[in-house]
N, C-alpha and C. Protein backbone atom coordinates (compact mmCIF):
# COMPACT_ATOMS: atom_id res chain seq x y z
N PRO A 1 0.82 -1.20 0.00
CA PRO A 1 0.00 0.00 0.00
C PRO A 1 0.86 1.26 0.00
N LYS A 2 0.34 2.25 -0.63
CA LYS A 2 1.07 3.48 -0.84
C LYS A 2 1.46 4.16 0.47
N ASN A 3 0.55 4.29 1.39
CA ASN A 3 0.80 5.03 2.63
C ASN A 3 1.09 4.15 3.84
N LEU A 4 1.19 2.86 3.65
CA LEU A 4 1.42 1.91 4.75
C LEU A 4 0.39 2.10 5.86
N ASN A 5 -0.86 2.24 5.45
CA ASN A 5 -1.98 2.47 6.34
C ASN A 5 -3.07 1.49 5.95
N VAL A 6 -3.72 0.87 6.91
CA VAL A 6 -4.78 -0.08 6.60
C VAL A 6 -5.96 0.14 7.54
N GLN A 7 -7.16 -0.08 7.01
CA GLN A 7 -8.36 0.02 7.85
C GLN A 7 -8.85 -1.38 8.14
N MET A 8 -8.98 -1.68 9.40
CA MET A 8 -9.46 -2.97 9.87
C MET A 8 -10.95 -2.84 10.18
N GLU A 9 -11.73 -3.83 9.83
CA GLU A 9 -13.14 -3.84 10.16
C GLU A 9 -13.36 -4.67 11.42
N LEU A 10 -14.49 -4.43 12.07
CA LEU A 10 -14.82 -5.26 13.23
C LEU A 10 -14.98 -6.70 12.75
N PRO A 11 -14.39 -7.65 13.47
CA PRO A 11 -14.53 -9.04 13.03
C PRO A 11 -15.97 -9.52 13.19
N ILE A 12 -16.43 -10.29 12.22
CA ILE A 12 -17.77 -10.85 12.28
C ILE A 12 -17.67 -12.17 13.02
N VAL A 13 -18.32 -12.25 14.15
CA VAL A 13 -18.28 -13.46 14.97
C VAL A 13 -19.70 -13.82 15.38
N LYS A 14 -19.84 -15.06 15.81
CA LYS A 14 -21.17 -15.46 16.29
C LYS A 14 -21.48 -14.67 17.56
N PRO A 15 -22.73 -14.40 17.84
CA PRO A 15 -23.09 -13.55 18.98
C PRO A 15 -22.49 -13.98 20.31
N THR A 16 -22.30 -15.27 20.52
CA THR A 16 -21.73 -15.73 21.79
C THR A 16 -20.24 -15.41 21.90
N SER A 17 -19.58 -15.15 20.76
CA SER A 17 -18.15 -14.83 20.78
C SER A 17 -17.88 -13.34 20.81
N ASP A 18 -18.93 -12.53 20.73
CA ASP A 18 -18.76 -11.08 20.75
C ASP A 18 -18.15 -10.67 22.07
N ALA A 19 -17.11 -9.84 22.03
CA ALA A 19 -16.38 -9.37 23.21
C ALA A 19 -15.65 -10.51 23.93
N SER A 20 -15.29 -11.55 23.19
CA SER A 20 -14.60 -12.69 23.78
C SER A 20 -13.10 -12.57 23.60
N VAL A 21 -12.38 -13.46 24.28
CA VAL A 21 -10.92 -13.51 24.16
C VAL A 21 -10.53 -13.88 22.73
N GLU A 22 -11.33 -14.74 22.10
CA GLU A 22 -11.02 -15.16 20.73
C GLU A 22 -11.05 -13.97 19.78
N GLN A 23 -12.06 -13.12 19.93
CA GLN A 23 -12.18 -11.93 19.09
C GLN A 23 -10.99 -11.00 19.31
N LEU A 24 -10.62 -10.80 20.56
CA LEU A 24 -9.49 -9.95 20.91
C LEU A 24 -8.19 -10.52 20.35
N GLU A 25 -8.02 -11.83 20.48
CA GLU A 25 -6.79 -12.45 19.99
C GLU A 25 -6.71 -12.43 18.47
N ALA A 26 -7.84 -12.60 17.79
CA ALA A 26 -7.84 -12.54 16.32
C ALA A 26 -7.37 -11.16 15.86
N CYS A 27 -7.87 -10.12 16.50
CA CYS A 27 -7.46 -8.75 16.15
C CYS A 27 -6.00 -8.52 16.50
N PHE A 28 -5.56 -9.04 17.66
CA PHE A 28 -4.16 -8.91 18.07
C PHE A 28 -3.24 -9.54 17.03
N LEU A 29 -3.57 -10.75 16.60
CA LEU A 29 -2.73 -11.46 15.62
C LEU A 29 -2.68 -10.71 14.29
N LEU A 30 -3.82 -10.18 13.86
CA LEU A 30 -3.83 -9.43 12.62
C LEU A 30 -2.99 -8.16 12.73
N MET A 31 -3.16 -7.42 13.81
CA MET A 31 -2.39 -6.19 14.00
C MET A 31 -0.89 -6.50 14.12
N ASP A 32 -0.55 -7.56 14.83
CA ASP A 32 0.85 -7.94 14.99
C ASP A 32 1.48 -8.23 13.63
N ARG A 33 0.75 -8.95 12.79
CA ARG A 33 1.26 -9.30 11.47
C ARG A 33 1.39 -8.04 10.59
N LEU A 34 0.38 -7.16 10.65
CA LEU A 34 0.42 -5.94 9.85
C LEU A 34 1.63 -5.08 10.22
N PHE A 35 1.85 -4.89 11.52
CA PHE A 35 3.00 -4.07 11.95
C PHE A 35 4.32 -4.77 11.62
N ALA A 36 4.35 -6.09 11.69
CA ALA A 36 5.57 -6.83 11.34
C ALA A 36 5.90 -6.67 9.85
N HIS A 37 4.88 -6.49 9.02
CA HIS A 37 5.09 -6.30 7.58
C HIS A 37 5.36 -4.85 7.20
N GLY A 38 5.46 -3.98 8.20
CA GLY A 38 5.88 -2.62 7.92
C GLY A 38 4.78 -1.57 7.87
N TYR A 39 3.56 -1.95 8.16
CA TYR A 39 2.50 -0.95 8.19
C TYR A 39 2.77 0.03 9.33
N ARG A 40 2.44 1.31 9.10
CA ARG A 40 2.70 2.34 10.09
C ARG A 40 1.46 2.69 10.90
N ARG A 41 0.27 2.37 10.38
CA ARG A 41 -0.96 2.76 11.06
C ARG A 41 -2.07 1.78 10.75
N VAL A 42 -2.81 1.39 11.78
CA VAL A 42 -4.00 0.56 11.62
C VAL A 42 -5.16 1.36 12.19
N GLN A 43 -6.24 1.43 11.43
CA GLN A 43 -7.40 2.19 11.90
C GLN A 43 -8.64 1.32 11.85
N MET A 44 -9.61 1.67 12.70
CA MET A 44 -10.88 0.96 12.75
C MET A 44 -12.00 1.99 12.79
N CYS A 45 -13.01 1.76 12.01
CA CYS A 45 -14.15 2.67 11.91
C CYS A 45 -15.37 1.96 12.50
N VAL A 46 -16.03 2.57 13.49
CA VAL A 46 -17.12 1.92 14.21
C VAL A 46 -18.35 2.83 14.24
N ASP A 47 -19.51 2.23 14.08
CA ASP A 47 -20.78 2.97 14.17
C ASP A 47 -20.93 3.53 15.59
N THR A 48 -21.31 4.78 15.70
CA THR A 48 -21.45 5.42 17.02
C THR A 48 -22.53 4.75 17.87
N GLN A 49 -23.49 4.07 17.23
CA GLN A 49 -24.57 3.44 17.98
C GLN A 49 -24.29 1.97 18.30
N ASP A 50 -23.17 1.45 17.86
CA ASP A 50 -22.79 0.06 18.13
C ASP A 50 -22.04 0.00 19.46
N VAL A 51 -22.77 -0.26 20.53
CA VAL A 51 -22.20 -0.24 21.87
C VAL A 51 -21.12 -1.29 22.03
N ARG A 52 -21.37 -2.51 21.60
CA ARG A 52 -20.38 -3.58 21.71
C ARG A 52 -19.19 -3.33 20.80
N GLY A 53 -19.46 -2.82 19.62
CA GLY A 53 -18.39 -2.55 18.66
C GLY A 53 -17.42 -1.49 19.15
N LYS A 54 -17.91 -0.52 19.93
CA LYS A 54 -17.05 0.54 20.44
C LYS A 54 -16.10 0.05 21.53
N ARG A 55 -16.42 -1.07 22.15
CA ARG A 55 -15.56 -1.60 23.22
C ARG A 55 -14.27 -2.22 22.67
N LEU A 56 -14.36 -2.87 21.52
CA LEU A 56 -13.21 -3.61 20.99
C LEU A 56 -11.99 -2.74 20.74
N PRO A 57 -12.10 -1.61 20.04
CA PRO A 57 -10.91 -0.80 19.82
C PRO A 57 -10.25 -0.34 21.13
N SER A 58 -11.07 -0.04 22.13
CA SER A 58 -10.51 0.35 23.43
C SER A 58 -9.78 -0.81 24.08
N ARG A 59 -10.35 -2.00 23.98
CA ARG A 59 -9.69 -3.18 24.55
C ARG A 59 -8.38 -3.49 23.83
N LEU A 60 -8.30 -3.12 22.54
CA LEU A 60 -7.08 -3.33 21.77
C LEU A 60 -6.02 -2.26 22.03
N GLY A 61 -6.41 -1.22 22.76
CA GLY A 61 -5.47 -0.14 23.06
C GLY A 61 -5.42 0.94 22.00
N MET A 62 -6.42 0.95 21.11
CA MET A 62 -6.48 1.96 20.07
C MET A 62 -6.94 3.29 20.66
N THR A 63 -6.56 4.37 20.02
CA THR A 63 -6.92 5.71 20.45
C THR A 63 -8.07 6.22 19.60
N GLN A 64 -9.08 6.81 20.26
CA GLN A 64 -10.17 7.41 19.49
C GLN A 64 -9.63 8.70 18.89
N GLU A 65 -9.67 8.77 17.57
CA GLU A 65 -9.08 9.91 16.87
C GLU A 65 -10.10 10.92 16.39
N GLY A 66 -11.35 10.52 16.33
CA GLY A 66 -12.35 11.48 15.88
C GLY A 66 -13.68 10.84 15.56
N GLN A 67 -14.62 11.69 15.15
CA GLN A 67 -15.95 11.25 14.78
C GLN A 67 -16.30 11.88 13.44
N ILE A 68 -16.88 11.08 12.55
CA ILE A 68 -17.28 11.58 11.25
C ILE A 68 -18.81 11.54 11.19
N PRO A 69 -19.45 12.71 11.22
CA PRO A 69 -20.91 12.71 11.12
C PRO A 69 -21.35 12.38 9.70
N LYS A 70 -22.46 11.67 9.60
CA LYS A 70 -23.04 11.28 8.30
C LYS A 70 -21.99 10.63 7.40
N HIS A 71 -21.24 9.72 7.98
CA HIS A 71 -20.15 9.04 7.27
C HIS A 71 -20.66 8.11 6.18
N MET A 72 -21.76 7.41 6.47
CA MET A 72 -22.30 6.43 5.53
C MET A 72 -23.82 6.46 5.58
N ILE A 73 -24.41 5.85 4.58
CA ILE A 73 -25.85 5.62 4.62
C ILE A 73 -26.03 4.12 4.78
N VAL A 74 -26.64 3.73 5.88
CA VAL A 74 -26.88 2.32 6.18
C VAL A 74 -28.38 2.14 6.41
N LYS A 75 -28.98 1.27 5.65
CA LYS A 75 -30.42 1.02 5.74
C LYS A 75 -31.21 2.32 5.65
N GLU A 76 -30.85 3.12 4.68
CA GLU A 76 -31.50 4.39 4.37
C GLU A 76 -31.49 5.38 5.54
N ALA A 77 -30.47 5.29 6.37
CA ALA A 77 -30.31 6.23 7.48
C ALA A 77 -28.84 6.64 7.56
N ASN A 78 -28.60 7.82 8.08
CA ASN A 78 -27.23 8.30 8.24
C ASN A 78 -26.54 7.52 9.35
N ARG A 79 -25.27 7.24 9.12
CA ARG A 79 -24.46 6.57 10.14
C ARG A 79 -23.29 7.48 10.48
N ASP A 80 -23.18 7.82 11.76
CA ASP A 80 -22.01 8.54 12.25
C ASP A 80 -20.98 7.49 12.63
N SER A 81 -19.72 7.78 12.40
CA SER A 81 -18.66 6.80 12.67
C SER A 81 -17.61 7.37 13.61
N LEU A 82 -17.10 6.51 14.47
CA LEU A 82 -15.96 6.84 15.32
C LEU A 82 -14.72 6.24 14.68
N ILE A 83 -13.64 7.00 14.64
CA ILE A 83 -12.39 6.52 14.06
C ILE A 83 -11.40 6.25 15.19
N TYR A 84 -10.89 5.03 15.23
CA TYR A 84 -9.87 4.62 16.20
C TYR A 84 -8.60 4.28 15.43
N GLY A 85 -7.45 4.49 16.05
CA GLY A 85 -6.21 4.18 15.37
C GLY A 85 -5.12 3.71 16.31
N MET A 86 -4.13 3.03 15.72
CA MET A 86 -2.94 2.58 16.44
C MET A 86 -1.76 2.80 15.51
N LEU A 87 -0.71 3.43 16.04
CA LEU A 87 0.51 3.66 15.27
C LEU A 87 1.53 2.58 15.58
N ASN A 88 2.43 2.33 14.63
CA ASN A 88 3.46 1.31 14.86
C ASN A 88 4.37 1.70 16.04
N SER A 89 4.58 2.99 16.23
CA SER A 89 5.41 3.43 17.35
C SER A 89 4.75 3.08 18.69
N ASP A 90 3.42 3.22 18.77
CA ASP A 90 2.70 2.85 19.99
C ASP A 90 2.75 1.34 20.20
N TRP A 91 2.64 0.60 19.11
CA TRP A 91 2.68 -0.86 19.16
C TRP A 91 4.03 -1.32 19.72
N ASP A 92 5.10 -0.71 19.20
CA ASP A 92 6.45 -1.09 19.62
C ASP A 92 6.77 -0.63 21.04
N LYS A 93 6.19 0.49 21.46
CA LYS A 93 6.50 1.05 22.78
C LYS A 93 5.79 0.33 23.92
N GLY A 94 4.90 -0.60 23.63
CA GLY A 94 4.29 -1.32 24.74
C GLY A 94 2.87 -1.80 24.52
N ALA A 95 2.21 -1.36 23.48
CA ALA A 95 0.83 -1.81 23.25
C ALA A 95 0.81 -3.32 22.96
N ARG A 96 1.80 -3.79 22.20
CA ARG A 96 1.86 -5.22 21.89
C ARG A 96 2.08 -6.04 23.15
N ALA A 97 3.04 -5.61 23.97
CA ALA A 97 3.33 -6.35 25.21
C ALA A 97 2.13 -6.34 26.15
N PHE A 98 1.44 -5.20 26.23
CA PHE A 98 0.26 -5.10 27.09
C PHE A 98 -0.82 -6.06 26.64
N LEU A 99 -1.10 -6.11 25.34
CA LEU A 99 -2.14 -7.02 24.84
C LEU A 99 -1.72 -8.48 24.99
N TYR A 100 -0.46 -8.76 24.73
CA TYR A 100 0.03 -10.14 24.88
C TYR A 100 -0.14 -10.60 26.32
N LYS A 101 0.21 -9.72 27.25
CA LYS A 101 0.07 -10.04 28.67
C LYS A 101 -1.39 -10.21 29.04
N LYS A 102 -2.25 -9.38 28.48
CA LYS A 102 -3.69 -9.46 28.75
C LYS A 102 -4.26 -10.78 28.25
N LEU A 103 -3.78 -11.25 27.11
CA LEU A 103 -4.29 -12.48 26.52
C LEU A 103 -3.70 -13.75 27.13
N HIS A 104 -2.40 -13.72 27.43
CA HIS A 104 -1.72 -14.96 27.80
C HIS A 104 -1.12 -14.97 29.20
N GLY A 105 -1.16 -13.86 29.90
CA GLY A 105 -0.62 -13.81 31.25
C GLY A 105 0.80 -13.27 31.30
N ALA A 106 1.21 -12.90 32.50
CA ALA A 106 2.51 -12.26 32.71
C ALA A 106 3.67 -13.19 32.38
N ALA A 107 3.56 -14.47 32.77
CA ALA A 107 4.65 -15.42 32.53
C ALA A 107 4.89 -15.61 31.03
N ALA A 108 3.82 -15.73 30.28
CA ALA A 108 3.95 -15.91 28.83
C ALA A 108 4.53 -14.66 28.19
N GLU A 109 4.12 -13.49 28.68
CA GLU A 109 4.64 -12.23 28.13
C GLU A 109 6.12 -12.11 28.40
N LYS A 110 6.55 -12.51 29.58
CA LYS A 110 7.97 -12.46 29.93
C LYS A 110 8.78 -13.41 29.03
N ALA A 111 8.25 -14.61 28.82
CA ALA A 111 8.93 -15.58 27.95
C ALA A 111 8.97 -15.06 26.52
N ASN A 112 7.89 -14.47 26.06
CA ASN A 112 7.84 -13.93 24.71
C ASN A 112 8.85 -12.80 24.54
N SER A 113 8.98 -11.94 25.54
CA SER A 113 9.95 -10.85 25.48
C SER A 113 11.37 -11.39 25.38
N ALA A 114 11.65 -12.46 26.13
CA ALA A 114 12.97 -13.07 26.07
C ALA A 114 13.25 -13.65 24.68
N ILE A 115 12.25 -14.30 24.10
CA ILE A 115 12.40 -14.88 22.77
C ILE A 115 12.63 -13.78 21.73
N VAL A 116 11.85 -12.71 21.82
CA VAL A 116 11.99 -11.60 20.88
C VAL A 116 13.39 -10.99 21.02
N GLY A 117 13.87 -10.85 22.25
CA GLY A 117 15.21 -10.31 22.48
C GLY A 117 16.29 -11.17 21.85
N LYS A 118 16.15 -12.49 22.01
CA LYS A 118 17.11 -13.41 21.41
C LYS A 118 17.07 -13.35 19.88
N GLU A 119 15.86 -13.25 19.33
CA GLU A 119 15.73 -13.16 17.87
C GLU A 119 16.37 -11.88 17.35
N GLU A 120 16.19 -10.78 18.07
CA GLU A 120 16.79 -9.51 17.66
C GLU A 120 18.32 -9.59 17.73
N ALA A 121 18.85 -10.22 18.79
CA ALA A 121 20.29 -10.37 18.93
C ALA A 121 20.86 -11.25 17.80
N ALA A 122 20.16 -12.32 17.48
CA ALA A 122 20.61 -13.20 16.40
C ALA A 122 20.59 -12.47 15.06
N GLN A 123 19.56 -11.67 14.82
CA GLN A 123 19.48 -10.91 13.57
C GLN A 123 20.61 -9.89 13.50
N GLU A 124 20.95 -9.29 14.62
CA GLU A 124 22.04 -8.32 14.67
C GLU A 124 23.36 -8.99 14.32
N GLN A 125 23.57 -10.22 14.84
CA GLN A 125 24.79 -10.96 14.52
C GLN A 125 24.85 -11.29 13.02
N VAL A 126 23.73 -11.69 12.45
CA VAL A 126 23.67 -12.00 11.01
C VAL A 126 24.02 -10.76 10.20
N ASP A 127 23.47 -9.62 10.60
CA ASP A 127 23.75 -8.36 9.90
C ASP A 127 25.23 -8.00 9.99
N GLN A 128 25.83 -8.17 11.17
CA GLN A 128 27.25 -7.86 11.35
C GLN A 128 28.12 -8.77 10.50
N LEU A 129 27.79 -10.07 10.46
CA LEU A 129 28.55 -11.01 9.63
C LEU A 129 28.45 -10.65 8.15
N ARG A 130 27.26 -10.28 7.69
CA ARG A 130 27.07 -9.89 6.30
C ARG A 130 27.91 -8.66 5.98
N GLU A 131 27.90 -7.66 6.86
CA GLU A 131 28.69 -6.46 6.65
C GLU A 131 30.18 -6.78 6.61
N LYS A 132 30.62 -7.68 7.48
CA LYS A 132 32.03 -8.06 7.52
C LYS A 132 32.42 -8.76 6.22
N ARG A 133 31.57 -9.66 5.74
CA ARG A 133 31.87 -10.37 4.48
C ARG A 133 31.89 -9.40 3.30
N GLU A 134 30.97 -8.45 3.29
CA GLU A 134 30.95 -7.46 2.21
C GLU A 134 32.22 -6.62 2.23
N ALA A 135 32.68 -6.23 3.43
CA ALA A 135 33.91 -5.44 3.56
C ALA A 135 35.11 -6.25 3.08
N GLU A 136 35.18 -7.54 3.45
CA GLU A 136 36.27 -8.41 3.01
C GLU A 136 36.27 -8.58 1.49
N ALA A 137 35.08 -8.71 0.92
CA ALA A 137 34.98 -8.86 -0.53
C ALA A 137 35.47 -7.59 -1.24
N LYS A 138 35.14 -6.44 -0.71
CA LYS A 138 35.60 -5.18 -1.30
C LYS A 138 37.11 -5.05 -1.20
N GLU A 139 37.67 -5.51 -0.06
CA GLU A 139 39.13 -5.45 0.13
C GLU A 139 39.83 -6.35 -0.89
N LYS A 140 39.29 -7.53 -1.13
CA LYS A 140 39.87 -8.44 -2.11
C LYS A 140 39.84 -7.84 -3.51
N GLU A 141 38.75 -7.17 -3.83
CA GLU A 141 38.63 -6.53 -5.14
C GLU A 141 39.66 -5.41 -5.29
N LYS A 142 39.90 -4.67 -4.21
CA LYS A 142 40.90 -3.57 -4.24
C LYS A 142 42.30 -4.14 -4.44
N LYS A 143 42.60 -5.27 -3.78
CA LYS A 143 43.93 -5.89 -3.89
C LYS A 143 44.15 -6.43 -5.32
N LYS A 144 43.08 -6.93 -5.93
CA LYS A 144 43.18 -7.47 -7.30
C LYS A 144 43.41 -6.34 -8.30
N ALA A 145 42.85 -5.19 -8.01
CA ALA A 145 42.95 -4.07 -8.97
C ALA A 145 44.23 -3.33 -8.87
């Protein structure tokens, strides 16, 4: 996408799953994947009269950014919409960890943080090795010339 921005819709679930952990986790997984792929902003648009729908963005840690009056026509009536959003910087600064902890508990969040730290350290080592090999290859080319 051109602006690295995506609009997420409320997940359609059976009525018994509305406001459930499954719904929250599905949204968490989608947002986690979107931010991992480089998206900078995820937004959700919710009908102002949808009481249950307005709870989900708050539970996800999204910020209410505004209201659009007469945003859509639904069933021949005007629909006002609330706009919620999450930035990648907020996700990285702790929103992801907070949601992970909320879904899986403190012990799982601590273990996940350790795994992520190890993965980042391993990636850093790979990057350093690649840079070292590239520098060595350039040196060999200079010696040949």
